Amino acid sequence: MANKWREVWERRDIDKDILSSGDYKNVYLALKIMNGFDSVKELSGGVGYDAFYEQYVEIKRELEFSAAAEGKKPESIFEVGCGSGASLYLFQRDGLSVGGIDYSKAGIEISAKILQNPRELIYDEAVNLSSEVKYDMVLSNSVFSYFKDYGYASRVLEIMYEKANNSIGIIDIHDISRKEAFAAYRKKTSEDYEERYQDLPKLFYDRTFFLDFAVKHGMDIKFRQSKVKGYWNNDFVFNCFMWKRS
């Protein structure tokens, strides 16, 4: 099934005129569309830059939480499933050193065009990632739901833990308690939903999956509900942040 999703991502493209326009807000939105967020526009009239930026600020604040409490300022971030580089684009604009991995060649090629001197930019499966190069923060945004099973997700989490100096963030995790409601909503809003997605499943999680990982590794953990303005998926996903203890 993972290969079916890869086919979807490899077919995606980006407006080259927008990419070269120099308008960072439009560039960011074009990168998000390439990462699959055109469905937001189809279902709810669109999520604007300001809403996505508010989410970015919250993610950055949560990832920096433990370091900030000690008077430190994180300087680097790595993203698992970086796609076209939308998230890293904003972090780099804020002065952070960035790196990423994605199994979409098309996505990595765009990331290489919009990111300046990334420490790493890897075309490969997340589970094959090396933890040798460390970053203060490690992020995965809207990716864990595309993993094939919990075993795969566990292996990726372990790599993220080893790669992170301070914190881990997993965004847009599909909530297993909302699985039936999610399916009902998608069928209601997309007449051919079952036909289009019969070979493109999503993986849903219970919060205990992440809680158990945090306990195992002695990490602090926090869950946050998604609150992106205008985002139809808010009711079906949650976010998770974990921090290493000093």
C-alpha atoms as a PDB file:
ATOM      1  CA  MET A   1       0.000   0.000   0.000  1.00  0.00           C
ATOM      2  CA  ALA A   2       2.909   2.351   0.712  1.00  0.00           C
ATOM      3  CA  ASN A   3       3.895   2.130  -2.955  1.00  0.00           C
ATOM      4  CA  LYS A   4       0.405   3.298  -3.950  1.00  0.00           C
ATOM      5  CA  TRP A   5       0.849   6.413  -1.830  1.00  0.00           C
ATOM      6  CA  ARG A   6       4.293   6.944  -3.357  1.00  0.00           C
ATOM      7  CA  GLU A   7       2.686   6.922  -6.802  1.00  0.00           C
ATOM      8  CA  VAL A   8       0.318   9.660  -5.623  1.00  0.00           C
ATOM      9  CA  TRP A   9       3.154  11.873  -4.350  1.00  0.00           C
ATOM     10  CA  GLU A  10       5.327  11.341  -7.414  1.00  0.00           C
ATOM     11  CA  ARG A  11       2.517  12.600  -9.669  1.00  0.00           C
ATOM     12  CA  ARG A  12       2.241  15.879  -7.800  1.00  0.00           C
ATOM     13  CA  ASP A  13       3.716  19.042  -9.274  1.00  0.00           C
ATOM     14  CA  ILE A  14       4.128  22.687  -8.349  1.00  0.00           C
ATOM     15  CA  ASP A  15       3.525  26.000 -10.076  1.00  0.00           C
ATOM     16  CA  LYS A  16       7.031  26.990 -11.186  1.00  0.00           C
ATOM     17  CA  ASP A  17       6.050  30.646 -11.661  1.00  0.00           C
ATOM     18  CA  ILE A  18       4.946  30.892  -8.028  1.00  0.00           C
ATOM     19  CA  LEU A  19       8.108  29.108  -6.891  1.00  0.00           C
ATOM     20  CA  SER A  20      10.280  31.723  -8.580  1.00  0.00           C
ATOM     21  CA  SER A  21       8.060  34.693  -7.688  1.00  0.00           C
ATOM     22  CA  GLY A  22       9.866  35.653  -4.481  1.00  0.00           C
ATOM     23  CA  ASP A  23       6.546  35.979  -2.623  1.00  0.00           C
ATOM     24  CA  TYR A  24       7.295  33.744   0.365  1.00  0.00           C
ATOM     25  CA  LYS A  25       3.656  33.389   1.418  1.00  0.00           C
ATOM     26  CA  ASN A  26       2.549  32.170  -2.007  1.00  0.00           C
ATOM     27  CA  VAL A  27       5.632  29.971  -2.254  1.00  0.00           C
ATOM     28  CA  TYR A  28       4.750  28.365   1.076  1.00  0.00           C
ATOM     29  CA  LEU A  29       1.137  27.743   0.034  1.00  0.00           C
ATOM     30  CA  ALA A  30       2.292  26.205  -3.252  1.00  0.00           C
ATOM     31  CA  LEU A  31       4.596  23.897  -1.288  1.00  0.00           C
ATOM     32  CA  LYS A  32       1.678  22.885   0.967  1.00  0.00           C
ATOM     33  CA  ILE A  33      -0.483  22.117  -2.062  1.00  0.00           C
ATOM     34  CA  MET A  34       2.252  19.887  -3.451  1.00  0.00           C
ATOM     35  CA  ASN A  35       2.300  18.119  -0.073  1.00  0.00           C
ATOM     36  CA  GLY A  36      -1.370  17.197  -0.495  1.00  0.00           C
ATOM     37  CA  PHE A  37      -3.177  20.103   1.144  1.00  0.00           C
ATOM     38  CA  ASP A  38      -5.190  20.924  -1.977  1.00  0.00           C
ATOM     39  CA  SER A  39      -7.887  18.731  -0.383  1.00  0.00           C
ATOM     40  CA  VAL A  40      -8.281  21.415   2.283  1.00  0.00           C
ATOM     41  CA  LYS A  41      -9.338  23.851  -0.399  1.00  0.00           C
ATOM     42  CA  GLU A  42     -11.710  21.359  -1.986  1.00  0.00           C
ATOM     43  CA  LEU A  43     -13.545  20.585   1.238  1.00  0.00           C
ATOM     44  CA  SER A  44     -13.649  23.813   3.218  1.00  0.00           C
ATOM     45  CA  GLY A  45     -12.883  26.744   0.961  1.00  0.00           C
ATOM     46  CA  GLY A  46      -9.209  26.795   1.762  1.00  0.00           C
ATOM     47  CA  VAL A  47      -6.822  27.420   4.640  1.00  0.00           C
ATOM     48  CA  GLY A  48      -4.887  30.656   4.283  1.00  0.00           C
ATOM     49  CA  TYR A  49      -1.261  31.407   5.028  1.00  0.00           C
ATOM     50  CA  ASP A  50      -2.080  33.067   8.356  1.00  0.00           C
ATOM     51  CA  ALA A  51      -3.785  29.921   9.667  1.00  0.00           C
ATOM     52  CA  PHE A  52      -0.878  27.715   8.655  1.00  0.00           C
ATOM     53  CA  TYR A  53       1.580  30.208  10.128  1.00  0.00           C
ATOM     54  CA  GLU A  54      -0.241  30.180  13.467  1.00  0.00           C
ATOM     55  CA  GLN A  55       0.131  26.385  13.455  1.00  0.00           C
ATOM     56  CA  TYR A  56       3.837  26.746  12.656  1.00  0.00           C
ATOM     57  CA  VAL A  57       4.334  29.154  15.570  1.00  0.00           C
ATOM     58  CA  GLU A  58       2.647  26.692  17.944  1.00  0.00           C
ATOM     59  CA  ILE A  59       4.721  23.761  16.664  1.00  0.00           C
ATOM     60  CA  LYS A  60       7.930  25.755  17.028  1.00  0.00           C
ATOM     61  CA  ARG A  61       6.987  26.912  20.526  1.00  0.00           C
ATOM     62  CA  GLU A  62       6.217  23.380  21.698  1.00  0.00           C
ATOM     63  CA  LEU A  63       9.380  21.897  20.194  1.00  0.00           C
ATOM     64  CA  GLU A  64      11.494  24.598  21.843  1.00  0.00           C
ATOM     65  CA  PHE A  65       9.731  24.300  25.214  1.00  0.00           C
ATOM     66  CA  SER A  66      12.251  22.276  27.229  1.00  0.00           C
ATOM     67  CA  ALA A  67      15.286  24.047  25.779  1.00  0.00           C
ATOM     68  CA  ALA A  68      13.735  27.464  26.411  1.00  0.00           C
ATOM     69  CA  ALA A  69      13.090  26.510  30.046  1.00  0.00           C
ATOM     70  CA  GLU A  70      16.847  26.023  30.398  1.00  0.00           C
ATOM     71  CA  GLY A  71      17.652  29.291  28.663  1.00  0.00           C
ATOM     72  CA  LYS A  72      18.767  27.603  25.459  1.00  0.00           C
ATOM     73  CA  LYS A  73      17.738  28.335  21.872  1.00  0.00           C
ATOM     74  CA  PRO A  74      17.468  25.363  19.468  1.00  0.00           C
ATOM     75  CA  GLU A  75      19.394  25.949  16.272  1.00  0.00           C
ATOM     76  CA  SER A  76      18.479  23.014  14.034  1.00  0.00           C
ATOM     77  CA  ILE A  77      15.526  20.880  12.944  1.00  0.00           C
ATOM     78  CA  PHE A  78      15.107  17.732  10.870  1.00  0.00           C
ATOM     79  CA  GLU A  79      11.819  16.666   9.279  1.00  0.00           C
ATOM     80  CA  VAL A  80      10.803  13.068   8.616  1.00  0.00           C
ATOM     81  CA  GLY A  81       8.591  13.155   5.526  1.00  0.00           C
ATOM     82  CA  CYS A  82       9.535  16.696   4.538  1.00  0.00           C
ATOM     83  CA  GLY A  83       7.863  16.456   1.124  1.00  0.00           C
ATOM     84  CA  SER A  84       8.388  19.674  -0.819  1.00  0.00           C
ATOM     85  CA  GLY A  85       9.952  21.347   2.218  1.00  0.00           C
ATOM     86  CA  ALA A  86       7.062  23.577   3.311  1.00  0.00           C
ATOM     87  CA  SER A  87       7.683  23.300   7.066  1.00  0.00           C
ATOM     88  CA  LEU A  88      11.461  23.507   6.706  1.00  0.00           C
ATOM     89  CA  TYR A  89      11.013  26.589   4.506  1.00  0.00           C
ATOM     90  CA  LEU A  90       9.521  28.489   7.463  1.00  0.00           C
ATOM     91  CA  PHE A  91      12.040  27.173   9.985  1.00  0.00           C
ATOM     92  CA  GLN A  92      14.904  28.228   7.711  1.00  0.00           C
ATOM     93  CA  ARG A  93      13.398  31.691   7.342  1.00  0.00           C
ATOM     94  CA  ASP A  94      13.634  31.878  11.141  1.00  0.00           C
ATOM     95  CA  GLY A  95      17.346  31.139  10.999  1.00  0.00           C
ATOM     96  CA  LEU A  96      17.430  27.426  11.812  1.00  0.00           C
ATOM     97  CA  SER A  97      19.684  24.890  10.151  1.00  0.00           C
ATOM     98  CA  VAL A  98      17.476  22.271   8.465  1.00  0.00           C
ATOM     99  CA  GLY A  99      17.470  18.761   7.049  1.00  0.00           C
ATOM    100  CA  GLY A 100      14.882  16.307   5.810  1.00  0.00           C
ATOM    101  CA  ILE A 101      13.993  12.955   4.304  1.00  0.00           C
ATOM    102  CA  ASP A 102      11.146  11.906   2.013  1.00  0.00           C
ATOM    103  CA  TYR A 103      10.351   8.942  -0.218  1.00  0.00           C
ATOM    104  CA  SER A 104       8.989  11.210  -2.958  1.00  0.00           C
ATOM    105  CA  LYS A 105      11.707  12.070  -5.447  1.00  0.00           C
ATOM    106  CA  ALA A 106       9.561  14.916  -6.793  1.00  0.00           C
ATOM    107  CA  GLY A 107       9.224  16.358  -3.285  1.00  0.00           C
ATOM    108  CA  ILE A 108      12.940  16.138  -2.533  1.00  0.00           C
ATOM    109  CA  GLU A 109      13.780  17.831  -5.837  1.00  0.00           C
ATOM    110  CA  ILE A 110      11.558  20.794  -4.923  1.00  0.00           C
ATOM    111  CA  SER A 111      13.004  20.905  -1.391  1.00  0.00           C
ATOM    112  CA  ALA A 112      16.477  21.127  -2.929  1.00  0.00           C
ATOM    113  CA  LYS A 113      15.376  24.187  -4.906  1.00  0.00           C
ATOM    114  CA  ILE A 114      13.780  26.155  -2.070  1.00  0.00           C
ATOM    115  CA  LEU A 115      16.071  25.285   0.877  1.00  0.00           C
ATOM    116  CA  GLN A 116      19.463  26.927   1.151  1.00  0.00           C
ATOM    117  CA  ASN A 117      22.340  24.622   2.113  1.00  0.00           C
ATOM    118  CA  PRO A 118      20.374  21.991   4.059  1.00  0.00           C
ATOM    119  CA  ARG A 119      22.548  19.802   6.282  1.00  0.00           C
ATOM    120  CA  GLU A 120      20.869  16.693   4.854  1.00  0.00           C
ATOM    121  CA  LEU A 121      18.284  16.147   2.138  1.00  0.00           C
ATOM    122  CA  ILE A 122      17.604  12.460   1.658  1.00  0.00           C
ATOM    123  CA  TYR A 123      15.491  10.565  -0.855  1.00  0.00           C
ATOM    124  CA  ASP A 124      14.590   7.362   0.971  1.00  0.00           C
ATOM    125  CA  GLU A 125      12.118   5.582   3.243  1.00  0.00           C
ATOM    126  CA  ALA A 126      11.845   7.056   6.741  1.00  0.00           C
ATOM    127  CA  VAL A 127      12.748   3.728   8.318  1.00  0.00           C
ATOM    128  CA  ASN A 128      16.134   3.792   6.525  1.00  0.00           C
ATOM    129  CA  LEU A 129      17.142   7.139   8.058  1.00  0.00           C
ATOM    130  CA  SER A 130      20.488   7.316   9.822  1.00  0.00           C
ATOM    131  CA  SER A 131      20.626   8.982  13.242  1.00  0.00           C
ATOM    132  CA  GLU A 132      24.326   9.813  12.918  1.00  0.00           C
ATOM    133  CA  VAL A 133      23.764  13.524  12.207  1.00  0.00           C
ATOM    134  CA  LYS A 134      21.964  15.090  15.193  1.00  0.00           C
ATOM    135  CA  TYR A 135      19.488  17.979  15.306  1.00  0.00           C
ATOM    136  CA  ASP A 136      18.043  19.849  18.265  1.00  0.00           C
ATOM    137  CA  MET A 137      14.479  19.093  17.118  1.00  0.00           C
ATOM    138  CA  VAL A 138      12.953  16.388  14.921  1.00  0.00           C
ATOM    139  CA  LEU A 139       9.532  16.848  13.336  1.00  0.00           C
ATOM    140  CA  SER A 140       7.105  14.748  11.306  1.00  0.00           C
ATOM    141  CA  ASN A 141       4.111  16.609   9.903  1.00  0.00           C
ATOM    142  CA  SER A 142       1.144  14.734   8.384  1.00  0.00           C
ATOM    143  CA  VAL A 143       3.194  11.594   7.721  1.00  0.00           C
ATOM    144  CA  PHE A 144       2.582   8.949  10.405  1.00  0.00           C
ATOM    145  CA  SER A 145      -0.880   8.180   9.009  1.00  0.00           C
ATOM    146  CA  TYR A 146       0.744   6.935   5.791  1.00  0.00           C
ATOM    147  CA  PHE A 147       2.960   4.343   7.484  1.00  0.00           C
ATOM    148  CA  LYS A 148       2.018   0.740   6.784  1.00  0.00           C
ATOM    149  CA  ASP A 149       1.702  -0.450  10.408  1.00  0.00           C
ATOM    150  CA  TYR A 150       2.603   0.243  14.034  1.00  0.00           C
ATOM    151  CA  GLY A 151       5.843  -1.715  13.755  1.00  0.00           C
ATOM    152  CA  TYR A 152       7.070   0.617  11.027  1.00  0.00           C
ATOM    153  CA  ALA A 153       5.933   3.663  13.034  1.00  0.00           C
ATOM    154  CA  SER A 154       7.777   2.369  16.122  1.00  0.00           C
ATOM    155  CA  ARG A 155      11.017   1.983  14.186  1.00  0.00           C
ATOM    156  CA  VAL A 156      10.734   5.510  12.812  1.00  0.00           C
ATOM    157  CA  LEU A 157      10.045   6.904  16.294  1.00  0.00           C
ATOM    158  CA  GLU A 158      13.184   5.194  17.585  1.00  0.00           C
ATOM    159  CA  ILE A 159      15.255   6.828  14.847  1.00  0.00           C
ATOM    160  CA  MET A 160      13.685  10.214  15.575  1.00  0.00           C
ATOM    161  CA  TYR A 161      14.550   9.781  19.247  1.00  0.00           C
ATOM    162  CA  GLU A 162      18.170   8.959  18.442  1.00  0.00           C
ATOM    163  CA  LYS A 163      18.450  11.851  15.980  1.00  0.00           C
ATOM    164  CA  ALA A 164      16.987  14.495  18.337  1.00  0.00           C
ATOM    165  CA  ASN A 165      19.054  16.329  20.933  1.00  0.00           C
ATOM    166  CA  ASN A 166      16.023  17.857  22.640  1.00  0.00           C
ATOM    167  CA  SER A 167      12.541  17.241  21.259  1.00  0.00           C
ATOM    168  CA  ILE A 168      10.240  15.371  18.876  1.00  0.00           C
ATOM    169  CA  GLY A 169       6.985  16.554  17.308  1.00  0.00           C
ATOM    170  CA  ILE A 170       4.431  14.457  15.406  1.00  0.00           C
ATOM    171  CA  ILE A 171       1.675  16.486  13.731  1.00  0.00           C
ATOM    172  CA  ASP A 172      -1.699  15.446  12.261  1.00  0.00           C
ATOM    173  CA  ILE A 173      -1.916  11.985  13.817  1.00  0.00           C
ATOM    174  CA  HIS A 174      -5.215  10.330  12.891  1.00  0.00           C
ATOM    175  CA  ASP A 175      -7.165   9.494  16.047  1.00  0.00           C
ATOM    176  CA  ILE A 176      -8.431   5.910  16.199  1.00  0.00           C
ATOM    177  CA  SER A 177     -11.374   6.978  18.346  1.00  0.00           C
ATOM    178  CA  ARG A 178     -12.501   9.157  15.424  1.00  0.00           C
ATOM    179  CA  LYS A 179     -11.919   6.594  12.665  1.00  0.00           C
ATOM    180  CA  GLU A 180     -15.597   5.906  11.931  1.00  0.00           C
ATOM    181  CA  ALA A 181     -16.477   9.607  12.073  1.00  0.00           C
ATOM    182  CA  PHE A 182     -13.620  10.355   9.671  1.00  0.00           C
ATOM    183  CA  ALA A 183     -14.850   7.774   7.148  1.00  0.00           C
ATOM    184  CA  ALA A 184     -18.426   9.047   7.407  1.00  0.00           C
ATOM    185  CA  TYR A 185     -17.300  12.628   6.817  1.00  0.00           C
ATOM    186  CA  ARG A 186     -15.164  11.739   3.806  1.00  0.00           C
ATOM    187  CA  LYS A 187     -17.966   9.692   2.241  1.00  0.00           C
ATOM    188  CA  LYS A 188     -20.346  12.595   2.760  1.00  0.00           C
ATOM    189  CA  THR A 189     -18.023  15.158   1.188  1.00  0.00           C
ATOM    190  CA  SER A 190     -16.565  12.995  -1.579  1.00  0.00           C
ATOM    191  CA  GLU A 191     -18.978  10.874  -3.592  1.00  0.00           C
ATOM    192  CA  ASP A 192     -16.243   8.588  -4.934  1.00  0.00           C
ATOM    193  CA  TYR A 193     -14.300   8.389  -1.657  1.00  0.00           C
ATOM    194  CA  GLU A 194     -14.390   4.574  -1.329  1.00  0.00           C
ATOM    195  CA  GLU A 195     -13.363   4.067  -4.947  1.00  0.00           C
ATOM    196  CA  ARG A 196     -10.552   6.635  -4.843  1.00  0.00           C
ATOM    197  CA  TYR A 197      -9.060   5.478  -1.536  1.00  0.00           C
ATOM    198  CA  GLN A 198      -9.714   1.723  -1.475  1.00  0.00           C
ATOM    199  CA  ASP A 199      -5.994   1.042  -2.004  1.00  0.00           C
ATOM    200  CA  LEU A 200      -4.802   4.107  -0.085  1.00  0.00           C
ATOM    201  CA  PRO A 201      -5.479   3.402   3.603  1.00  0.00           C
ATOM    202  CA  LYS A 202      -4.609   5.609   6.557  1.00  0.00           C
ATOM    203  CA  LEU A 203      -3.172   4.369   9.836  1.00  0.00           C
ATOM    204  CA  PHE A 204      -5.059   5.514  12.951  1.00  0.00           C
ATOM    205  CA  TYR A 205      -3.463   5.710  16.409  1.00  0.00           C
ATOM    206  CA  ASP A 206      -4.429   5.547  20.044  1.00  0.00           C
ATOM    207  CA  ARG A 207      -2.603   8.079  22.222  1.00  0.00           C
ATOM    208  CA  THR A 208      -1.207   5.214  24.294  1.00  0.00           C
ATOM    209  CA  PHE A 209       1.064   4.289  21.365  1.00  0.00           C
ATOM    210  CA  PHE A 210       3.003   7.524  21.919  1.00  0.00           C
ATOM    211  CA  LEU A 211       2.563   7.575  25.694  1.00  0.00           C
ATOM    212  CA  ASP A 212       4.141   4.125  25.986  1.00  0.00           C
ATOM    213  CA  PHE A 213       7.087   5.274  23.858  1.00  0.00           C
ATOM    214  CA  ALA A 214       7.610   8.351  26.061  1.00  0.00           C
ATOM    215  CA  VAL A 215       7.501   6.277  29.237  1.00  0.00           C
ATOM    216  CA  LYS A 216       9.950   3.741  27.781  1.00  0.00           C
ATOM    217  CA  HIS A 217      12.451   6.493  26.989  1.00  0.00           C
ATOM    218  CA  GLY A 218      11.868   8.666  30.046  1.00  0.00           C
ATOM    219  CA  MET A 219      10.508  11.573  28.022  1.00  0.00           C
ATOM    220  CA  ASP A 220       7.981  14.248  28.924  1.00  0.00           C
ATOM    221  CA  ILE A 221       4.952  14.237  26.614  1.00  0.00           C
ATOM    222  CA  LYS A 222       2.043  16.484  25.669  1.00  0.00           C
ATOM    223  CA  PHE A 223      -0.909  15.984  23.325  1.00  0.00           C
ATOM    224  CA  ARG A 224      -2.529  18.924  21.554  1.00  0.00           C
ATOM    225  CA  GLN A 225      -5.692  19.015  19.483  1.00  0.00           C
ATOM    226  CA  SER A 226      -5.353  20.431  15.979  1.00  0.00           C
ATOM    227  CA  LYS A 227      -6.846  23.940  15.771  1.00  0.00           C
ATOM    228  CA  VAL A 228      -5.892  25.206  12.318  1.00  0.00           C
ATOM    229  CA  LYS A 229      -8.546  27.710  11.248  1.00  0.00           C
ATOM    230  CA  GLY A 230     -10.660  26.365   8.394  1.00  0.00           C
ATOM    231  CA  TYR A 231      -9.020  22.917   8.411  1.00  0.00           C
ATOM    232  CA  TRP A 232     -11.652  20.211   7.957  1.00  0.00           C
ATOM    233  CA  ASN A 233      -9.369  17.565   9.491  1.00  0.00           C
ATOM    234  CA  ASN A 234      -9.157  19.215  12.940  1.00  0.00           C
ATOM    235  CA  ASP A 235     -11.812  16.938  14.436  1.00  0.00           C
ATOM    236  CA  PHE A 236     -10.008  13.760  13.394  1.00  0.00           C
ATOM    237  CA  VAL A 237      -6.346  14.370  14.227  1.00  0.00           C
ATOM    238  CA  PHE A 238      -4.145  15.302  17.171  1.00  0.00           C
ATOM    239  CA  ASN A 239      -0.546  16.395  17.704  1.00  0.00           C
ATOM    240  CA  CYS A 240       2.092  14.955  20.019  1.00  0.00           C
ATOM    241  CA  PHE A 241       5.230  16.558  21.460  1.00  0.00           C
ATOM    242  CA  MET A 242       7.948  14.797  23.466  1.00  0.00           C
ATOM    243  CA  TRP A 243      11.001  16.231  25.223  1.00  0.00           C
ATOM    244  CA  LYS A 244      14.136  14.561  26.484  1.00  0.00           C
ATOM    245  CA  ARG A 245      14.892  15.152  30.136  1.00  0.00           C
ATOM    246  CA  SER A 246      18.193  16.709  31.167  1.00  0.00           C
END
